[in-house]
N, C-alpha and C. Protein backbone atom coordinates (compact mmCIF):
# COMPACT_ATOMS: atom_id res chain seq x y z
N MET A 1 55.66 142.15 122.29
CA MET A 1 55.17 140.88 121.57
C MET A 1 54.79 139.94 122.64
N GLN A 2 54.09 139.10 121.86
CA GLN A 2 53.26 138.20 122.90
C GLN A 2 53.55 136.91 121.96
N THR A 3 53.51 135.70 122.73
CA THR A 3 53.89 134.44 122.12
C THR A 3 53.23 133.53 122.77
N ALA A 4 53.17 132.44 121.79
CA ALA A 4 52.29 131.29 122.30
C ALA A 4 52.65 129.89 121.24
N ILE A 5 52.73 128.75 121.96
CA ILE A 5 53.15 127.64 121.41
C ILE A 5 52.15 126.72 121.23
N LEU A 6 51.41 126.35 120.06
CA LEU A 6 50.18 125.52 119.93
C LEU A 6 50.87 124.29 119.42
N SER A 7 50.00 123.04 120.06
CA SER A 7 50.57 121.64 119.69
C SER A 7 49.52 120.96 119.14
N ASN A 8 49.75 119.78 118.70
CA ASN A 8 48.54 118.75 117.81
C ASN A 8 47.17 118.67 118.45
N GLN A 9 47.46 118.82 119.96
CA GLN A 9 46.52 118.37 120.77
C GLN A 9 45.18 119.48 120.60
N GLN A 10 45.91 120.87 120.07
CA GLN A 10 44.78 122.03 120.00
C GLN A 10 44.32 122.28 118.68
N PHE A 11 44.53 121.33 117.68
CA PHE A 11 44.62 121.64 116.04
C PHE A 11 43.36 121.01 116.06
N LYS A 12 42.40 121.46 114.99
CA LYS A 12 41.23 120.76 114.56
C LYS A 12 41.29 119.98 113.43
N VAL A 13 40.85 119.13 113.68
CA VAL A 13 41.31 117.69 112.10
C VAL A 13 39.77 117.74 111.64
N SER A 14 39.74 117.62 110.33
CA SER A 14 38.55 117.51 109.70
C SER A 14 38.43 116.70 108.30
N ASP A 15 37.40 116.47 107.75
CA ASP A 15 37.45 115.60 106.38
C ASP A 15 37.15 116.58 105.15
N TRP A 16 37.33 116.41 103.86
CA TRP A 16 37.08 117.07 103.03
C TRP A 16 37.18 116.16 101.94
N SER A 17 36.43 116.63 100.91
CA SER A 17 36.37 115.73 99.63
C SER A 17 37.62 114.85 99.04
N GLY A 18 38.85 115.71 99.71
CA GLY A 18 39.94 114.83 98.90
C GLY A 18 40.70 114.44 100.14
N GLY A 19 40.27 114.43 101.19
CA GLY A 19 41.29 114.03 102.06
C GLY A 19 40.93 114.52 103.50
N THR A 20 41.77 114.84 104.46
CA THR A 20 41.79 115.87 105.64
C THR A 20 42.65 116.86 105.64
N THR A 21 42.00 118.04 106.66
CA THR A 21 42.56 118.73 106.98
C THR A 21 42.65 119.30 108.36
N THR A 22 43.42 119.91 108.78
CA THR A 22 43.77 120.35 110.11
C THR A 22 43.94 121.97 110.24
N GLN A 23 43.15 122.65 111.11
CA GLN A 23 43.42 123.85 111.53
C GLN A 23 44.01 124.19 112.17
N LEU A 24 45.57 125.09 111.89
CA LEU A 24 46.37 125.43 113.07
C LEU A 24 46.17 126.35 113.53
N TYR A 25 45.48 127.60 112.92
CA TYR A 25 45.31 128.82 113.77
C TYR A 25 44.21 129.45 112.93
N ILE A 26 43.60 130.51 113.76
CA ILE A 26 42.81 131.22 113.29
C ILE A 26 42.39 132.55 113.85
N PHE A 27 42.34 133.53 113.14
CA PHE A 27 42.23 134.89 113.84
C PHE A 27 40.96 135.78 113.17
N PRO A 28 40.07 136.15 114.21
CA PRO A 28 40.28 136.02 115.51
C PRO A 28 39.97 134.70 115.95
N PRO A 29 40.33 134.58 117.18
CA PRO A 29 40.03 133.32 117.74
C PRO A 29 38.84 132.85 118.12
N ASP A 30 37.72 133.47 118.08
CA ASP A 30 36.22 132.68 118.06
C ASP A 30 35.86 132.69 116.92
N ALA A 31 36.64 132.91 115.48
CA ALA A 31 36.12 132.86 114.55
C ALA A 31 35.85 131.35 114.01
N SER A 32 34.75 131.30 112.98
CA SER A 32 34.84 129.97 112.49
C SER A 32 34.80 129.99 111.11
N TYR A 33 35.63 128.89 110.35
CA TYR A 33 36.07 128.40 109.40
C TYR A 33 34.47 128.33 108.55
N GLN A 34 33.66 127.34 108.93
CA GLN A 34 32.34 127.20 108.50
C GLN A 34 31.76 128.55 108.35
N LYS A 35 31.59 129.42 109.06
CA LYS A 35 30.97 130.51 108.67
C LYS A 35 31.86 131.55 108.39
N ARG A 36 32.74 130.97 107.94
CA ARG A 36 34.09 132.27 107.17
C ARG A 36 33.82 133.58 107.51
N ASN A 37 34.27 133.82 109.05
CA ASN A 37 33.97 134.98 109.63
C ASN A 37 35.50 135.47 110.22
N PHE A 38 36.40 134.76 109.74
CA PHE A 38 37.74 134.99 109.88
C PHE A 38 38.56 135.83 108.85
N ILE A 39 39.67 136.45 109.73
CA ILE A 39 40.40 137.42 108.95
C ILE A 39 41.46 136.67 108.29
N PHE A 40 42.27 135.56 109.04
CA PHE A 40 43.10 134.60 108.46
C PHE A 40 42.86 133.46 109.17
N ARG A 41 43.16 132.34 108.19
CA ARG A 41 43.41 131.10 108.74
C ARG A 41 44.79 130.27 108.25
N LEU A 42 45.29 129.53 108.99
CA LEU A 42 46.25 128.42 109.13
C LEU A 42 45.91 127.12 109.20
N SER A 43 46.16 126.34 107.97
CA SER A 43 45.95 124.86 108.15
C SER A 43 46.77 124.13 107.44
N THR A 44 46.88 122.85 107.58
CA THR A 44 47.44 121.81 106.42
C THR A 44 46.47 120.78 105.95
N ALA A 45 46.51 120.58 104.82
CA ALA A 45 45.90 119.50 104.24
C ALA A 45 46.63 118.30 103.56
N ARG A 46 45.98 117.39 103.81
CA ARG A 46 46.74 116.19 102.82
C ARG A 46 45.60 115.92 101.76
N VAL A 47 45.98 115.90 100.70
CA VAL A 47 45.45 115.33 99.55
C VAL A 47 45.37 113.76 99.21
N GLU A 48 44.89 112.90 99.64
CA GLU A 48 45.00 111.57 99.40
C GLU A 48 44.10 110.93 98.26
N MET A 49 43.30 111.45 97.46
CA MET A 49 42.96 111.34 96.28
C MET A 49 43.70 111.58 95.12
N GLU A 50 43.83 110.97 94.20
CA GLU A 50 44.64 111.17 93.08
C GLU A 50 44.00 112.62 92.26
N LYS A 51 43.11 112.47 92.19
CA LYS A 51 42.30 113.98 91.56
C LYS A 51 41.24 114.49 92.68
N SER A 52 41.34 115.70 92.93
CA SER A 52 40.76 116.60 94.13
C SER A 52 40.03 117.96 93.36
N GLU A 53 38.94 118.08 93.80
CA GLU A 53 38.56 119.31 93.59
C GLU A 53 38.21 120.02 94.89
N PHE A 54 39.12 121.23 94.78
CA PHE A 54 39.21 122.45 96.27
C PHE A 54 37.83 123.17 96.33
N THR A 55 37.74 122.89 97.64
CA THR A 55 36.47 123.56 98.09
C THR A 55 36.37 125.12 97.66
N SER A 56 35.15 125.40 97.03
CA SER A 56 34.93 127.01 96.83
C SER A 56 34.71 127.91 98.22
N LEU A 57 35.58 128.86 97.93
CA LEU A 57 35.48 129.83 99.61
C LEU A 57 35.47 131.17 98.38
N PRO A 58 34.21 131.66 98.26
CA PRO A 58 34.18 133.02 97.84
C PRO A 58 34.61 133.79 98.95
N GLY A 59 35.28 134.87 98.28
CA GLY A 59 35.72 135.88 99.37
C GLY A 59 36.50 135.78 99.99
N VAL A 60 37.77 134.47 99.48
CA VAL A 60 38.70 134.34 100.21
C VAL A 60 39.90 133.84 99.51
N THR A 61 41.00 134.67 99.60
CA THR A 61 42.16 134.69 99.16
C THR A 61 43.07 133.27 99.83
N ARG A 62 43.71 132.49 98.56
CA ARG A 62 44.13 131.53 99.27
C ARG A 62 45.53 131.38 98.75
N LYS A 63 46.64 131.26 99.97
CA LYS A 63 48.04 130.79 99.29
C LYS A 63 48.29 129.39 99.84
N ILE A 64 48.96 128.58 99.19
CA ILE A 64 49.46 127.07 99.38
C ILE A 64 50.75 126.76 99.12
N MET A 65 51.10 126.18 99.93
CA MET A 65 52.80 125.53 99.93
C MET A 65 52.60 124.27 99.84
N ILE A 66 53.22 123.59 99.14
CA ILE A 66 53.41 122.28 98.97
C ILE A 66 54.48 121.67 100.09
N LEU A 67 54.21 120.61 100.99
CA LEU A 67 55.30 120.30 102.05
C LEU A 67 55.61 119.14 101.69
N ASP A 68 54.80 118.09 100.87
CA ASP A 68 55.37 117.02 100.36
C ASP A 68 54.54 116.22 99.44
N GLY A 69 55.24 115.84 98.42
CA GLY A 69 54.36 115.15 97.39
C GLY A 69 54.54 116.30 96.45
N GLU A 70 53.99 115.92 95.25
CA GLU A 70 53.46 116.97 94.13
C GLU A 70 52.29 116.79 93.23
N ILE A 71 51.70 118.19 93.07
CA ILE A 71 50.24 118.09 92.31
C ILE A 71 50.43 119.13 91.17
N ARG A 72 49.49 118.95 90.23
CA ARG A 72 49.50 119.85 88.84
C ARG A 72 48.25 120.37 89.22
N ILE A 73 48.14 121.86 89.55
CA ILE A 73 46.79 122.45 90.04
C ILE A 73 46.29 123.01 88.91
N ASN A 74 44.83 123.06 88.85
CA ASN A 74 44.19 123.62 87.63
C ASN A 74 43.33 124.58 87.76
N HIS A 75 43.57 125.86 87.43
CA HIS A 75 42.44 127.08 88.02
C HIS A 75 41.61 127.07 86.88
N GLN A 76 40.56 126.77 86.38
CA GLN A 76 39.63 126.77 85.48
C GLN A 76 39.93 128.12 84.88
N ASN A 77 40.14 128.56 83.45
CA ASN A 77 39.97 130.09 82.78
C ASN A 77 40.95 130.88 83.36
N HIS A 78 42.20 130.33 84.40
CA HIS A 78 42.90 131.17 84.53
C HIS A 78 44.70 130.61 84.30
N TYR A 79 44.74 129.63 85.12
CA TYR A 79 46.44 128.76 84.66
C TYR A 79 46.37 127.68 85.35
N ALA A 80 47.31 126.60 84.90
CA ALA A 80 47.41 125.78 85.43
C ALA A 80 49.12 125.44 85.88
N LYS A 81 49.57 124.74 86.84
CA LYS A 81 51.01 124.86 86.88
C LYS A 81 51.19 123.19 87.95
N ASN A 82 52.58 123.20 87.77
CA ASN A 82 52.94 122.05 88.89
C ASN A 82 53.69 122.95 90.10
N LEU A 83 53.25 121.73 90.93
CA LEU A 83 53.85 122.74 92.26
C LEU A 83 54.70 121.45 93.15
N ARG A 84 55.75 121.82 93.50
CA ARG A 84 56.43 120.31 94.13
C ARG A 84 56.63 121.37 95.42
N LYS A 85 57.31 120.52 96.02
CA LYS A 85 57.72 120.74 97.53
C LYS A 85 58.27 122.18 97.78
N PHE A 86 57.40 122.77 98.64
CA PHE A 86 57.72 124.35 98.87
C PHE A 86 57.48 125.41 97.89
N ASP A 87 56.90 125.00 96.94
CA ASP A 87 55.90 125.68 95.81
C ASP A 87 55.14 126.32 96.29
N VAL A 88 54.83 127.47 95.83
CA VAL A 88 53.62 128.23 96.45
C VAL A 88 52.30 129.12 95.34
N ASP A 89 51.50 128.85 95.53
CA ASP A 89 50.64 129.18 94.50
C ASP A 89 49.46 130.16 95.31
N THR A 90 48.95 131.34 95.06
CA THR A 90 48.11 132.38 95.18
C THR A 90 47.41 132.41 94.12
N PHE A 91 45.72 132.03 94.85
CA PHE A 91 44.57 131.80 94.16
C PHE A 91 43.27 132.71 94.97
N GLU A 92 42.38 132.88 94.00
CA GLU A 92 41.26 133.19 94.77
C GLU A 92 40.16 132.16 94.88
N GLY A 93 39.64 131.97 96.23
CA GLY A 93 38.65 131.26 96.66
C GLY A 93 37.55 130.53 95.60
N ASP A 94 36.94 131.69 95.19
CA ASP A 94 35.84 131.31 94.17
C ASP A 94 36.33 130.74 92.71
N TRP A 95 37.75 130.54 92.77
CA TRP A 95 38.15 130.11 91.44
C TRP A 95 37.75 128.53 91.35
N LYS A 96 37.49 127.65 90.15
CA LYS A 96 37.17 126.31 89.98
C LYS A 96 38.69 126.00 89.90
N THR A 97 38.93 125.45 91.42
CA THR A 97 40.37 124.57 91.11
C THR A 97 40.21 123.16 91.44
N THR A 98 41.05 122.35 90.87
CA THR A 98 41.00 120.81 90.60
C THR A 98 42.77 120.33 90.84
N SER A 99 43.07 119.14 91.44
CA SER A 99 44.64 118.89 91.47
C SER A 99 44.67 117.84 90.67
N VAL A 100 45.64 117.19 90.56
CA VAL A 100 46.14 116.06 90.06
C VAL A 100 47.05 115.73 90.93
N GLY A 101 46.97 114.44 91.57
CA GLY A 101 48.76 114.22 92.67
C GLY A 101 48.46 114.28 93.96
N ARG A 102 49.20 113.50 94.72
CA ARG A 102 48.96 113.21 96.19
C ARG A 102 49.78 114.44 96.71
N CYS A 103 49.23 115.11 97.94
CA CYS A 103 50.66 115.81 98.99
C CYS A 103 49.98 116.31 99.77
N THR A 104 50.83 116.87 101.04
CA THR A 104 50.52 117.19 101.76
C THR A 104 51.01 118.83 102.07
N ASP A 105 49.92 119.83 102.01
CA ASP A 105 50.23 121.24 101.94
C ASP A 105 49.72 122.31 103.14
N PHE A 106 50.29 123.37 102.97
CA PHE A 106 50.24 123.94 103.88
C PHE A 106 49.41 125.35 103.54
N ASN A 107 48.39 125.51 103.84
CA ASN A 107 47.20 126.88 103.50
C ASN A 107 47.63 127.90 104.27
N LEU A 108 47.39 129.26 103.68
CA LEU A 108 47.09 131.11 104.25
C LEU A 108 46.11 131.12 103.55
N MET A 109 44.84 131.27 104.20
CA MET A 109 43.73 131.80 103.92
C MET A 109 43.33 133.46 104.64
N THR A 110 42.87 134.41 103.56
CA THR A 110 42.57 135.83 104.27
C THR A 110 41.34 135.76 103.63
N THR A 111 40.33 136.85 104.21
CA THR A 111 39.08 137.47 103.64
C THR A 111 39.20 139.15 103.74
N GLU A 112 40.45 139.36 104.37
CA GLU A 112 40.29 141.03 104.05
C GLU A 112 41.62 141.31 103.26
N LYS A 113 41.79 142.51 102.45
CA LYS A 113 42.85 142.82 102.09
C LYS A 113 44.22 143.29 102.82
N ILE A 114 44.97 141.93 103.13
CA ILE A 114 45.63 142.30 104.20
C ILE A 114 47.13 141.59 103.63
N SER A 115 48.19 142.10 103.93
CA SER A 115 49.33 141.39 103.37
C SER A 115 50.00 140.15 103.99
N VAL A 116 50.17 139.64 103.23
CA VAL A 116 50.83 137.87 103.73
C VAL A 116 52.35 137.56 103.00
N ASP A 117 53.00 136.79 103.64
CA ASP A 117 53.72 136.26 102.84
C ASP A 117 53.93 134.55 103.78
N LEU A 118 54.85 133.83 102.62
CA LEU A 118 54.72 132.34 103.23
C LEU A 118 55.94 132.09 102.63
N THR A 119 56.93 131.52 103.59
CA THR A 119 58.52 131.20 103.12
C THR A 119 58.79 130.15 103.85
N ALA A 120 59.21 129.01 103.17
CA ALA A 120 59.98 127.74 104.05
C ALA A 120 61.06 127.84 103.97
N VAL A 121 61.58 127.27 105.28
CA VAL A 121 63.10 127.45 105.44
C VAL A 121 63.65 125.99 106.32
N VAL A 122 64.75 125.45 105.59
CA VAL A 122 65.46 124.39 105.98
C VAL A 122 66.70 124.43 106.72
N ILE A 123 66.70 123.99 107.95
CA ILE A 123 68.10 124.04 108.84
C ILE A 123 68.50 122.79 108.93
N GLU A 124 69.95 122.42 108.84
CA GLU A 124 70.43 121.08 108.80
C GLU A 124 70.69 120.91 110.10
N GLU A 125 71.14 119.79 110.61
CA GLU A 125 71.39 119.56 112.01
C GLU A 125 72.58 120.24 112.62
N ASN A 126 71.97 120.78 113.69
CA ASN A 126 73.41 121.82 114.54
C ASN A 126 73.61 122.92 113.94
N GLN A 127 72.66 123.46 112.75
CA GLN A 127 73.24 124.63 112.34
C GLN A 127 72.30 125.75 112.82
N LEU A 128 73.07 126.79 112.74
CA LEU A 128 72.33 128.07 113.49
C LEU A 128 71.90 128.88 112.54
N LEU A 129 70.92 129.64 112.51
CA LEU A 129 70.21 130.87 111.79
C LEU A 129 69.64 131.74 112.46
N ASP A 130 70.05 132.87 112.11
CA ASP A 130 69.51 134.29 112.83
C ASP A 130 68.76 134.52 111.68
N TYR A 131 67.26 134.61 111.92
CA TYR A 131 65.83 134.94 111.44
C TYR A 131 65.57 136.26 111.50
N PRO A 132 65.40 137.32 110.71
CA PRO A 132 65.39 138.82 110.98
C PRO A 132 63.75 138.86 111.25
N VAL A 133 63.82 139.36 112.30
CA VAL A 133 62.01 139.67 112.56
C VAL A 133 61.80 141.42 112.48
N GLU A 134 61.07 141.24 111.23
CA GLU A 134 60.83 142.85 110.60
C GLU A 134 59.75 143.27 111.47
N PRO A 135 59.96 144.77 111.66
CA PRO A 135 59.02 145.57 111.91
C PRO A 135 57.75 145.51 111.09
N GLY A 136 57.02 146.05 111.17
CA GLY A 136 55.86 146.07 110.64
C GLY A 136 54.74 145.01 110.09
N TRP A 137 55.13 144.01 110.73
CA TRP A 137 54.24 142.42 110.69
C TRP A 137 53.42 142.43 111.96
N ASP A 138 52.42 142.22 111.79
CA ASP A 138 51.74 141.94 112.97
C ASP A 138 51.67 140.47 113.46
N TRP A 139 51.73 139.88 112.85
CA TRP A 139 52.30 138.11 113.09
C TRP A 139 53.41 137.60 112.42
N LEU A 140 54.11 136.67 113.21
CA LEU A 140 55.11 135.84 112.55
C LEU A 140 54.73 134.46 113.12
N ILE A 141 54.27 133.53 112.36
CA ILE A 141 53.78 132.23 112.76
C ILE A 141 54.57 130.91 112.15
N ILE A 142 55.30 130.52 113.04
CA ILE A 142 56.38 129.54 112.79
C ILE A 142 55.80 127.74 112.78
N TYR A 143 55.75 127.31 112.12
CA TYR A 143 55.05 126.00 111.75
C TYR A 143 56.13 124.79 111.45
N LEU A 144 56.47 124.22 112.44
CA LEU A 144 57.87 123.18 112.32
C LEU A 144 56.96 121.82 111.93
N TYR A 145 57.37 121.88 110.56
CA TYR A 145 56.47 120.92 109.85
C TYR A 145 57.35 119.21 110.18
N SER A 146 58.64 119.59 110.33
CA SER A 146 59.64 118.34 110.56
C SER A 146 60.74 118.76 111.54
N GLY A 147 61.64 117.76 112.17
CA GLY A 147 62.47 118.06 112.58
C GLY A 147 62.40 118.44 114.21
N HIS A 148 63.42 119.38 114.69
CA HIS A 148 63.53 119.73 116.26
C HIS A 148 64.32 120.68 116.05
N ILE A 149 63.74 122.28 116.63
CA ILE A 149 64.13 123.33 116.85
C ILE A 149 64.13 123.98 118.04
N ASN A 150 65.43 124.71 118.57
CA ASN A 150 65.36 125.27 119.92
C ASN A 150 65.47 126.86 119.48
N MET A 151 64.78 127.74 119.80
CA MET A 151 64.73 129.40 119.30
C MET A 151 65.00 129.94 120.82
N HIS A 152 65.53 131.15 120.22
CA HIS A 152 66.07 132.03 121.14
C HIS A 152 65.25 133.70 120.62
N LEU A 153 64.13 134.38 121.41
CA LEU A 153 63.87 135.45 120.88
C LEU A 153 63.72 136.45 122.10
N ASP A 154 64.31 137.57 121.72
CA ASP A 154 64.59 138.48 123.23
C ASP A 154 65.19 137.67 124.40
N ASN A 155 64.17 137.53 125.75
CA ASN A 155 64.62 136.79 126.48
C ASN A 155 64.00 135.18 126.66
N ASP A 156 63.11 135.27 125.64
CA ASP A 156 61.86 133.85 125.56
C ASP A 156 63.04 132.82 124.93
N PHE A 157 63.01 131.30 125.20
CA PHE A 157 63.22 130.30 124.85
C PHE A 157 62.20 129.70 124.40
N PHE A 158 62.21 128.85 123.11
CA PHE A 158 61.26 127.86 122.76
C PHE A 158 62.05 126.70 122.04
N ASP A 159 61.29 125.30 122.51
CA ASP A 159 61.35 124.29 121.89
C ASP A 159 60.38 123.60 121.25
N LEU A 160 60.64 123.46 119.92
CA LEU A 160 59.58 123.00 118.92
C LEU A 160 59.75 121.89 118.36
N GLY A 161 59.35 120.64 118.68
CA GLY A 161 58.83 119.71 117.89
C GLY A 161 58.05 119.77 116.70
N PRO A 162 57.95 118.14 115.91
CA PRO A 162 57.29 118.12 114.38
C PRO A 162 55.84 118.69 114.99
N GLY A 163 55.21 119.68 114.02
CA GLY A 163 53.84 119.74 114.37
C GLY A 163 53.65 120.66 115.01
N ASN A 164 54.49 121.43 115.91
CA ASN A 164 54.24 122.62 116.64
C ASN A 164 54.36 124.14 115.74
N LEU A 165 53.39 124.64 116.44
CA LEU A 165 53.31 126.31 116.05
C LEU A 165 53.50 127.58 116.74
N LEU A 166 54.40 128.14 116.49
CA LEU A 166 55.01 129.44 117.68
C LEU A 166 54.22 130.22 117.02
N VAL A 167 53.42 131.03 117.46
CA VAL A 167 52.79 132.33 117.29
C VAL A 167 53.39 133.54 117.75
N ILE A 168 54.02 134.32 117.01
CA ILE A 168 54.64 135.82 117.88
C ILE A 168 53.50 136.94 117.09
N SER A 169 52.58 137.64 118.07
CA SER A 169 52.15 138.71 117.75
C SER A 169 52.23 140.14 118.07
N ASN A 170 52.04 141.02 117.47
CA ASN A 170 52.64 142.43 118.21
C ASN A 170 53.99 142.63 118.06
N VAL A 171 54.16 142.15 116.73
CA VAL A 171 56.12 142.23 116.39
C VAL A 171 56.53 143.07 116.33
N THR A 172 57.47 142.98 117.30
CA THR A 172 58.57 144.30 117.20
C THR A 172 60.06 143.93 116.31
N SER A 173 60.66 145.04 116.02
CA SER A 173 61.74 144.55 115.52
C SER A 173 63.26 143.80 116.70
N SER A 174 63.29 142.55 115.90
CA SER A 174 64.45 141.89 116.68
C SER A 174 64.81 140.90 115.89
N ALA A 175 65.51 139.70 116.44
CA ALA A 175 66.09 138.75 115.71
C ALA A 175 65.51 137.53 116.17
N LEU A 176 65.20 136.25 115.54
CA LEU A 176 65.01 134.96 115.66
C LEU A 176 66.25 134.31 115.92
N HIS A 177 66.56 133.43 116.96
CA HIS A 177 67.85 132.81 116.72
C HIS A 177 67.31 131.29 116.72
N LEU A 178 67.83 130.45 115.76
CA LEU A 178 67.46 129.10 115.66
C LEU A 178 68.62 128.27 115.65
N LYS A 179 68.39 126.80 116.46
CA LYS A 179 69.29 125.80 116.30
C LYS A 179 68.65 124.76 115.99
N ALA A 180 68.70 123.75 114.99
CA ALA A 180 68.34 122.49 114.63
C ALA A 180 68.88 121.65 115.48
N ALA A 181 68.03 120.69 116.06
CA ALA A 181 68.64 119.77 116.95
C ALA A 181 68.76 118.15 115.95
N LYS A 182 68.11 118.58 114.63
CA LYS A 182 68.13 117.91 113.80
C LYS A 182 67.62 118.58 112.34
N LYS A 183 68.03 118.00 111.24
CA LYS A 183 67.28 118.73 110.14
C LYS A 183 65.85 118.77 110.38
N SER A 184 65.33 119.86 110.03
CA SER A 184 64.20 120.90 110.29
C SER A 184 63.74 121.43 109.25
N GLU A 185 62.42 121.26 108.80
CA GLU A 185 61.73 122.39 107.71
C GLU A 185 60.71 122.87 108.55
N LEU A 186 60.79 124.33 108.27
CA LEU A 186 59.56 125.12 109.00
C LEU A 186 59.30 125.87 108.21
N VAL A 187 57.97 126.40 108.20
CA VAL A 187 57.13 127.27 107.17
C VAL A 187 56.91 128.59 108.33
N PHE A 188 57.43 129.99 107.54
CA PHE A 188 57.27 131.16 108.44
C PHE A 188 55.89 131.90 107.45
N SER A 189 55.31 132.20 108.25
CA SER A 189 54.02 132.88 107.80
C SER A 189 53.83 134.24 108.38
N LYS A 190 54.08 135.43 107.54
CA LYS A 190 53.99 136.53 107.77
C LYS A 190 52.42 137.23 107.80
N VAL A 191 51.91 137.86 108.53
CA VAL A 191 50.67 138.54 108.68
C VAL A 191 50.47 140.22 108.79
N LYS A 192 50.31 141.07 108.13
CA LYS A 192 50.13 142.42 108.46
C LYS A 192 48.77 143.02 108.34
N ARG A 193 47.91 143.31 108.88
CA ARG A 193 46.25 144.04 108.77
C ARG A 193 46.30 145.42 108.32
């Protein structure tokens, strides 16, 4: 297994029509969001306008999770639904998509037919959690949205603060032991090529 911790200083922030977006991770590392030559990309976005239109991304499958706030998302000619904290929606990037409401969301975009999973975990202060690291996934990526977490994986120890991203690649079977120094909200992204 290989691990890396990324922090705010390493993330790319840019504007979009409805607010700002922060690229947390892109694979392969030399890929470009603008060129759409990535296999997968993780980002957060702040939707600051009451009504927003999502960027058209043909060839991209999108999975979003609301981190804060609430929106009503409308995929024209497909469906509409309300999304609240930690709700997830999966849709194609070429769908005409609009939203009403303000939020911060977490995005997992893919350009190939790969398996992905997105899960939120809340750990209360001083709570311990053993999170199974399942074999078969190529990446386990943990984003700490809020709080402070101490982690132990095999012989490695990690200390994550708000906004940190832990990237675990070449995943092998194991367990991740977490302890919250204070109430913490995490997003677990799993990717298999």
